[in-house]
C-alpha atoms as a PDB file:
ATOM      1  CA  GLU A   1      16.472 -82.402 -45.514  1.00  0.00           C
ATOM      2  CA  ILE A   2      16.552 -80.341 -42.475  1.00  0.00           C
ATOM      3  CA  PHE A   3      20.012 -79.663 -41.153  1.00  0.00           C
ATOM      4  CA  GLY A   4      20.211 -78.437 -37.531  1.00  0.00           C
ATOM      5  CA  LEU A   5      22.882 -76.192 -35.973  1.00  0.00           C
ATOM      6  CA  LEU A   6      22.857 -76.233 -32.270  1.00  0.00           C
ATOM      7  CA  GLY A   7      24.977 -74.218 -29.850  1.00  0.00           C
ATOM      8  CA  PRO A   8      24.890 -71.823 -26.908  1.00  0.00           C
ATOM      9  CA  ASN A   9      24.397 -68.116 -27.278  1.00  0.00           C
ATOM     10  CA  GLY A  10      27.488 -66.604 -28.793  1.00  0.00           C
ATOM     11  CA  ALA A  11      28.650 -69.919 -30.293  1.00  0.00           C
ATOM     12  CA  GLY A  12      28.666 -68.579 -33.936  1.00  0.00           C
ATOM     13  CA  LYS A  13      25.274 -69.652 -35.312  1.00  0.00           C
ATOM     14  CA  THR A  14      24.156 -66.254 -36.431  1.00  0.00           C
ATOM     15  CA  THR A  15      27.707 -65.341 -37.697  1.00  0.00           C
ATOM     16  CA  LEU A  16      27.644 -68.541 -39.816  1.00  0.00           C
ATOM     17  CA  ILE A  17      24.189 -67.564 -41.268  1.00  0.00           C
ATOM     18  CA  SER A  18      25.651 -64.062 -42.076  1.00  0.00           C
ATOM     19  CA  ILE A  19      28.567 -65.796 -43.914  1.00  0.00           C
ATOM     20  CA  LEU A  20      26.109 -68.080 -45.793  1.00  0.00           C
ATOM     21  CA  ALA A  21      24.019 -65.131 -46.816  1.00  0.00           C
ATOM     22  CA  GLY A  22      27.050 -63.140 -48.016  1.00  0.00           C
ATOM     23  CA  ILE A  23      26.729 -60.437 -45.410  1.00  0.00           C
ATOM     24  CA  LEU A  24      30.053 -61.371 -43.712  1.00  0.00           C
ATOM     25  CA  SER A  25      33.260 -62.954 -45.119  1.00  0.00           C
ATOM     26  CA  PRO A  26      34.799 -65.829 -43.176  1.00  0.00           C
ATOM     27  CA  ASP A  27      38.066 -65.235 -41.333  1.00  0.00           C
ATOM     28  CA  GLU A  28      39.354 -68.492 -42.824  1.00  0.00           C
ATOM     29  CA  GLY A  29      38.123 -71.304 -44.965  1.00  0.00           C
ATOM     30  CA  LYS A  30      35.126 -70.856 -47.277  1.00  0.00           C
ATOM     31  CA  ALA A  31      31.355 -71.454 -47.338  1.00  0.00           C
ATOM     32  CA  VAL A  32      29.737 -73.099 -50.332  1.00  0.00           C
ATOM     33  CA  ILE A  33      26.016 -73.541 -51.065  1.00  0.00           C
ATOM     34  CA  PHE A  34      24.963 -75.624 -54.054  1.00  0.00           C
ATOM     35  CA  ASN A  35      28.532 -75.508 -55.375  1.00  0.00           C
ATOM     36  CA  HIS A  36      28.699 -71.668 -55.214  1.00  0.00           C
ATOM     37  CA  ASP A  37      31.189 -69.818 -53.062  1.00  0.00           C
ATOM     38  CA  CYS A  38      29.206 -67.554 -50.608  1.00  0.00           C
ATOM     39  CA  THR A  39      31.892 -64.861 -50.776  1.00  0.00           C
ATOM     40  CA  ARG A  40      32.811 -64.819 -54.473  1.00  0.00           C
ATOM     41  CA  GLU A  41      29.402 -65.678 -55.813  1.00  0.00           C
ATOM     42  CA  THR A  42      27.261 -63.771 -53.421  1.00  0.00           C
ATOM     43  CA  ARG A  43      24.550 -62.652 -55.774  1.00  0.00           C
ATOM     44  CA  LYS A  44      24.094 -66.057 -57.187  1.00  0.00           C
ATOM     45  CA  VAL A  45      23.886 -67.618 -53.734  1.00  0.00           C
ATOM     46  CA  GLN A  46      21.461 -64.901 -52.499  1.00  0.00           C
ATOM     47  CA  GLY A  47      19.197 -65.733 -55.414  1.00  0.00           C
ATOM     48  CA  MET A  48      18.976 -69.364 -54.199  1.00  0.00           C
ATOM     49  CA  ILE A  49      18.406 -68.795 -50.476  1.00  0.00           C
ATOM     50  CA  ASN A  50      16.267 -66.807 -48.118  1.00  0.00           C
ATOM     51  CA  VAL A  51      16.832 -66.192 -44.396  1.00  0.00           C
ATOM     52  CA  VAL A  52      14.090 -65.990 -41.657  1.00  0.00           C
ATOM     53  CA  SER A  53      15.636 -64.499 -38.587  1.00  0.00           C
ATOM     54  CA  GLY A  54      13.754 -63.074 -35.568  1.00  0.00           C
ATOM     55  CA  PHE A  55      11.281 -60.374 -36.277  1.00  0.00           C
ATOM     56  CA  SER A  56      13.529 -58.462 -38.588  1.00  0.00           C
ATOM     57  CA  GLY A  57      12.004 -57.273 -41.802  1.00  0.00           C
ATOM     58  CA  VAL A  58       8.448 -56.908 -40.423  1.00  0.00           C
ATOM     59  CA  ILE A  59       6.747 -53.869 -41.954  1.00  0.00           C
ATOM     60  CA  TYR A  60       4.280 -52.766 -39.313  1.00  0.00           C
ATOM     61  CA  ALA A  61       2.352 -50.230 -41.368  1.00  0.00           C
ATOM     62  CA  LEU A  62       1.058 -52.566 -44.138  1.00  0.00           C
ATOM     63  CA  SER A  63      -1.320 -55.507 -43.921  1.00  0.00           C
ATOM     64  CA  LEU A  64       0.204 -58.917 -44.275  1.00  0.00           C
ATOM     65  CA  GLU A  65      -0.961 -59.189 -47.838  1.00  0.00           C
ATOM     66  CA  GLU A  66       0.372 -55.775 -48.765  1.00  0.00           C
ATOM     67  CA  ALA A  67       3.751 -56.501 -47.109  1.00  0.00           C
ATOM     68  CA  LEU A  68       4.178 -59.747 -48.843  1.00  0.00           C
ATOM     69  CA  THR A  69       3.234 -58.170 -52.210  1.00  0.00           C
ATOM     70  CA  TYR A  70       5.854 -55.451 -51.520  1.00  0.00           C
ATOM     71  CA  TYR A  71       8.529 -58.169 -50.757  1.00  0.00           C
ATOM     72  CA  ALA A  72       7.435 -60.153 -53.879  1.00  0.00           C
ATOM     73  CA  MET A  73       8.115 -57.013 -55.978  1.00  0.00           C
ATOM     74  CA  LEU A  74      11.581 -56.597 -54.315  1.00  0.00           C
ATOM     75  CA  TYR A  75      12.342 -60.304 -54.964  1.00  0.00           C
ATOM     76  CA  ASN A  76      11.126 -59.919 -58.583  1.00  0.00           C
ATOM     77  CA  VAL A  77       8.620 -62.743 -58.182  1.00  0.00           C
ATOM     78  CA  PRO A  78       6.629 -63.533 -61.318  1.00  0.00           C
ATOM     79  CA  ASP A  79       2.866 -63.819 -60.841  1.00  0.00           C
ATOM     80  CA  ARG A  80       3.033 -61.999 -57.542  1.00  0.00           C
ATOM     81  CA  LYS A  81      -0.604 -62.198 -56.576  1.00  0.00           C
ATOM     82  CA  ASN A  82      -0.851 -65.984 -56.900  1.00  0.00           C
ATOM     83  CA  LYS A  83       2.560 -66.460 -55.086  1.00  0.00           C
ATOM     84  CA  VAL A  84       1.456 -64.303 -52.210  1.00  0.00           C
ATOM     85  CA  ASP A  85      -1.866 -66.146 -52.024  1.00  0.00           C
ATOM     86  CA  SER A  86      -0.044 -69.404 -52.129  1.00  0.00           C
ATOM     87  CA  VAL A  87       2.450 -68.612 -49.262  1.00  0.00           C
ATOM     88  CA  ILE A  88      -0.335 -67.213 -47.130  1.00  0.00           C
ATOM     89  CA  ARG A  89      -2.218 -70.461 -47.452  1.00  0.00           C
ATOM     90  CA  GLN A  90       0.991 -72.456 -46.932  1.00  0.00           C
ATOM     91  CA  VAL A  91       1.639 -70.893 -43.504  1.00  0.00           C
ATOM     92  CA  ASP A  92      -2.096 -70.893 -42.612  1.00  0.00           C
ATOM     93  CA  LEU A  93      -2.474 -67.184 -42.355  1.00  0.00           C
ATOM     94  CA  ASP A  94      -5.666 -66.665 -44.510  1.00  0.00           C
ATOM     95  CA  GLU A  95      -7.426 -65.170 -41.520  1.00  0.00           C
ATOM     96  CA  GLY A  96      -4.667 -62.612 -41.026  1.00  0.00           C
ATOM     97  CA  ARG A  97      -4.093 -61.403 -44.614  1.00  0.00           C
ATOM     98  CA  GLY A  98      -5.665 -57.972 -43.935  1.00  0.00           C
ATOM     99  CA  ARG A  99      -4.152 -57.423 -40.462  1.00  0.00           C
ATOM    100  CA  GLU A 100      -1.113 -55.229 -39.794  1.00  0.00           C
ATOM    101  CA  ALA A 101       1.890 -56.880 -38.241  1.00  0.00           C
ATOM    102  CA  SER A 102       1.536 -54.724 -35.191  1.00  0.00           C
ATOM    103  CA  ASP A 103      -1.833 -56.437 -34.558  1.00  0.00           C
ATOM    104  CA  MET A 104      -0.468 -59.935 -34.854  1.00  0.00           C
ATOM    105  CA  SER A 105       0.597 -62.387 -32.157  1.00  0.00           C
ATOM    106  CA  SER A 106       4.185 -63.568 -32.136  1.00  0.00           C
ATOM    107  CA  GLY A 107       3.203 -66.896 -33.657  1.00  0.00           C
ATOM    108  CA  MET A 108       1.447 -65.061 -36.576  1.00  0.00           C
ATOM    109  CA  LYS A 109       4.401 -62.829 -37.103  1.00  0.00           C
ATOM    110  CA  GLN A 110       6.694 -65.822 -37.294  1.00  0.00           C
ATOM    111  CA  ARG A 111       4.367 -67.567 -39.847  1.00  0.00           C
ATOM    112  CA  TYR A 112       4.377 -64.224 -41.808  1.00  0.00           C
ATOM    113  CA  LEU A 113       8.199 -64.194 -41.787  1.00  0.00           C
ATOM    114  CA  ILE A 114       8.260 -67.779 -43.104  1.00  0.00           C
ATOM    115  CA  ALA A 115       5.782 -66.830 -45.808  1.00  0.00           C
ATOM    116  CA  LYS A 116       8.129 -63.880 -46.687  1.00  0.00           C
ATOM    117  CA  GLY A 117      11.058 -66.365 -46.775  1.00  0.00           C
ATOM    118  CA  LEU A 118       9.152 -68.600 -49.224  1.00  0.00           C
ATOM    119  CA  LEU A 119       8.228 -65.870 -51.781  1.00  0.00           C
ATOM    120  CA  ASN A 120      11.371 -66.415 -53.890  1.00  0.00           C
ATOM    121  CA  ASP A 121      11.080 -70.225 -53.846  1.00  0.00           C
ATOM    122  CA  PRO A 122      14.538 -70.593 -52.278  1.00  0.00           C
ATOM    123  CA  LYS A 123      16.421 -73.816 -52.782  1.00  0.00           C
ATOM    124  CA  LEU A 124      17.643 -73.313 -49.211  1.00  0.00           C
ATOM    125  CA  LEU A 125      15.576 -71.728 -46.444  1.00  0.00           C
ATOM    126  CA  ILE A 126      17.585 -70.671 -43.465  1.00  0.00           C
ATOM    127  CA  LEU A 127      15.540 -70.499 -40.261  1.00  0.00           C
ATOM    128  CA  ASP A 128      17.347 -68.883 -37.350  1.00  0.00           C
ATOM    129  CA  GLU A 129      15.696 -69.991 -34.093  1.00  0.00           C
ATOM    130  CA  PRO A 130      12.100 -69.869 -35.642  1.00  0.00           C
ATOM    131  CA  THR A 131      10.292 -70.856 -32.413  1.00  0.00           C
ATOM    132  CA  VAL A 132      12.259 -68.812 -29.851  1.00  0.00           C
ATOM    133  CA  GLY A 133       9.934 -66.828 -27.560  1.00  0.00           C
ATOM    134  CA  LEU A 134       6.798 -68.502 -28.881  1.00  0.00           C
ATOM    135  CA  ASP A 135       4.146 -70.132 -26.793  1.00  0.00           C
ATOM    136  CA  VAL A 136       3.828 -73.909 -26.944  1.00  0.00           C
ATOM    137  CA  GLU A 137       0.905 -73.929 -29.423  1.00  0.00           C
ATOM    138  CA  SER A 138       2.636 -71.474 -31.771  1.00  0.00           C
ATOM    139  CA  ALA A 139       5.914 -73.389 -31.641  1.00  0.00           C
ATOM    140  CA  ILE A 140       4.002 -76.643 -32.477  1.00  0.00           C
ATOM    141  CA  ASN A 141       2.375 -74.823 -35.481  1.00  0.00           C
ATOM    142  CA  ILE A 142       5.783 -73.566 -36.715  1.00  0.00           C
ATOM    143  CA  ARG A 143       7.307 -77.013 -36.400  1.00  0.00           C
ATOM    144  CA  GLY A 144       4.449 -78.431 -38.362  1.00  0.00           C
ATOM    145  CA  ILE A 145       5.119 -75.936 -41.163  1.00  0.00           C
ATOM    146  CA  ILE A 146       8.714 -76.818 -41.201  1.00  0.00           C
ATOM    147  CA  LYS A 147       7.893 -80.526 -41.472  1.00  0.00           C
ATOM    148  CA  GLN A 148       5.497 -79.804 -44.340  1.00  0.00           C
ATOM    149  CA  LEU A 149       8.210 -77.844 -46.080  1.00  0.00           C
ATOM    150  CA  ARG A 150      10.594 -80.808 -45.900  1.00  0.00           C
ATOM    151  CA  LYS A 151       7.850 -83.044 -47.229  1.00  0.00           C
ATOM    152  CA  GLU A 152       7.517 -80.695 -50.220  1.00  0.00           C
ATOM    153  CA  GLY A 153      11.205 -81.105 -50.958  1.00  0.00           C
ATOM    154  CA  ARG A 154      12.524 -77.857 -49.396  1.00  0.00           C
ATOM    155  CA  THR A 155      16.063 -77.899 -47.959  1.00  0.00           C
ATOM    156  CA  ILE A 156      16.142 -76.136 -44.522  1.00  0.00           C
ATOM    157  CA  PHE A 157      19.027 -75.011 -42.361  1.00  0.00           C
ATOM    158  CA  LEU A 158      17.701 -74.600 -38.812  1.00  0.00           C
ATOM    159  CA  THR A 159      19.385 -73.091 -35.824  1.00  0.00           C
ATOM    160  CA  THR A 160      17.852 -73.762 -32.413  1.00  0.00           C
ATOM    161  CA  HIS A 161      18.667 -74.076 -28.714  1.00  0.00           C
ATOM    162  CA  ASN A 162      15.854 -76.646 -28.288  1.00  0.00           C
ATOM    163  CA  MET A 163      17.099 -80.157 -28.216  1.00  0.00           C
ATOM    164  CA  PHE A 164      13.572 -81.541 -28.446  1.00  0.00           C
ATOM    165  CA  GLU A 165      12.924 -79.436 -31.537  1.00  0.00           C
ATOM    166  CA  ALA A 166      16.232 -80.520 -33.116  1.00  0.00           C
ATOM    167  CA  GLU A 167      15.433 -84.246 -32.455  1.00  0.00           C
ATOM    168  CA  GLU A 168      11.907 -83.817 -33.813  1.00  0.00           C
ATOM    169  CA  LEU A 169      12.810 -81.931 -37.043  1.00  0.00           C
ATOM    170  CA  CYS A 170      16.402 -82.516 -38.051  1.00  0.00           C
ATOM    171  CA  ASP A 171      17.795 -85.208 -40.299  1.00  0.00           C
ATOM    172  CA  ARG A 172      21.362 -84.246 -39.357  1.00  0.00           C
ATOM    173  CA  ILE A 173      22.718 -82.045 -36.600  1.00  0.00           C
ATOM    174  CA  ALA A 174      25.989 -80.215 -35.924  1.00  0.00           C
ATOM    175  CA  PHE A 175      27.033 -78.634 -32.626  1.00  0.00           C
ATOM    176  CA  ILE A 176      28.960 -75.376 -32.739  1.00  0.00           C
ATOM    177  CA  ASN A 177      30.781 -73.444 -30.086  1.00  0.00           C
ATOM    178  CA  HIS A 178      33.320 -70.675 -30.191  1.00  0.00           C
ATOM    179  CA  GLY A 179      32.929 -70.675 -33.992  1.00  0.00           C
ATOM    180  CA  LYS A 180      33.997 -74.330 -34.308  1.00  0.00           C
ATOM    181  CA  ILE A 181      31.972 -77.397 -35.241  1.00  0.00           C
ATOM    182  CA  LEU A 182      32.382 -79.814 -32.329  1.00  0.00           C
ATOM    183  CA  ALA A 183      30.372 -82.750 -33.636  1.00  0.00           C
END
């Protein structure tokens, strides 16, 4: 399924993602992913998830294919070449495999980041505002990729400000403000 988290800037969406990823500890309560405590079993949780957030993690000096190969090595992905080829096709970036990130449009960079997020076959893919700042056509392409990932059985946690996007993509939605789930 796709679970959507909506809220204004500063509501706590990115903080919650940081807690789920084991980067921050919650002030109270606990966060659990697939029956594993995000604070006490951080390594186990991190092995089951991946986070796509903004344009962080973009290596500008390497080609798309080289960068994804590098990340596949970091993630200890078996059969790296086939996996890199697979994720490049999955996000429709065959034409960009030899390009450096600095030469890519924002939409291509976002597809690259989604490809990076899929390298370790995460059980849960966290997408933090994946269409923010994109032109209409690029946003439509990204939403298409997200729909396809759901069709393939991927679980997705999506943050967005875009009500249309949430309605189009999400199976369930929560609204957060001041660090509290309102509905």
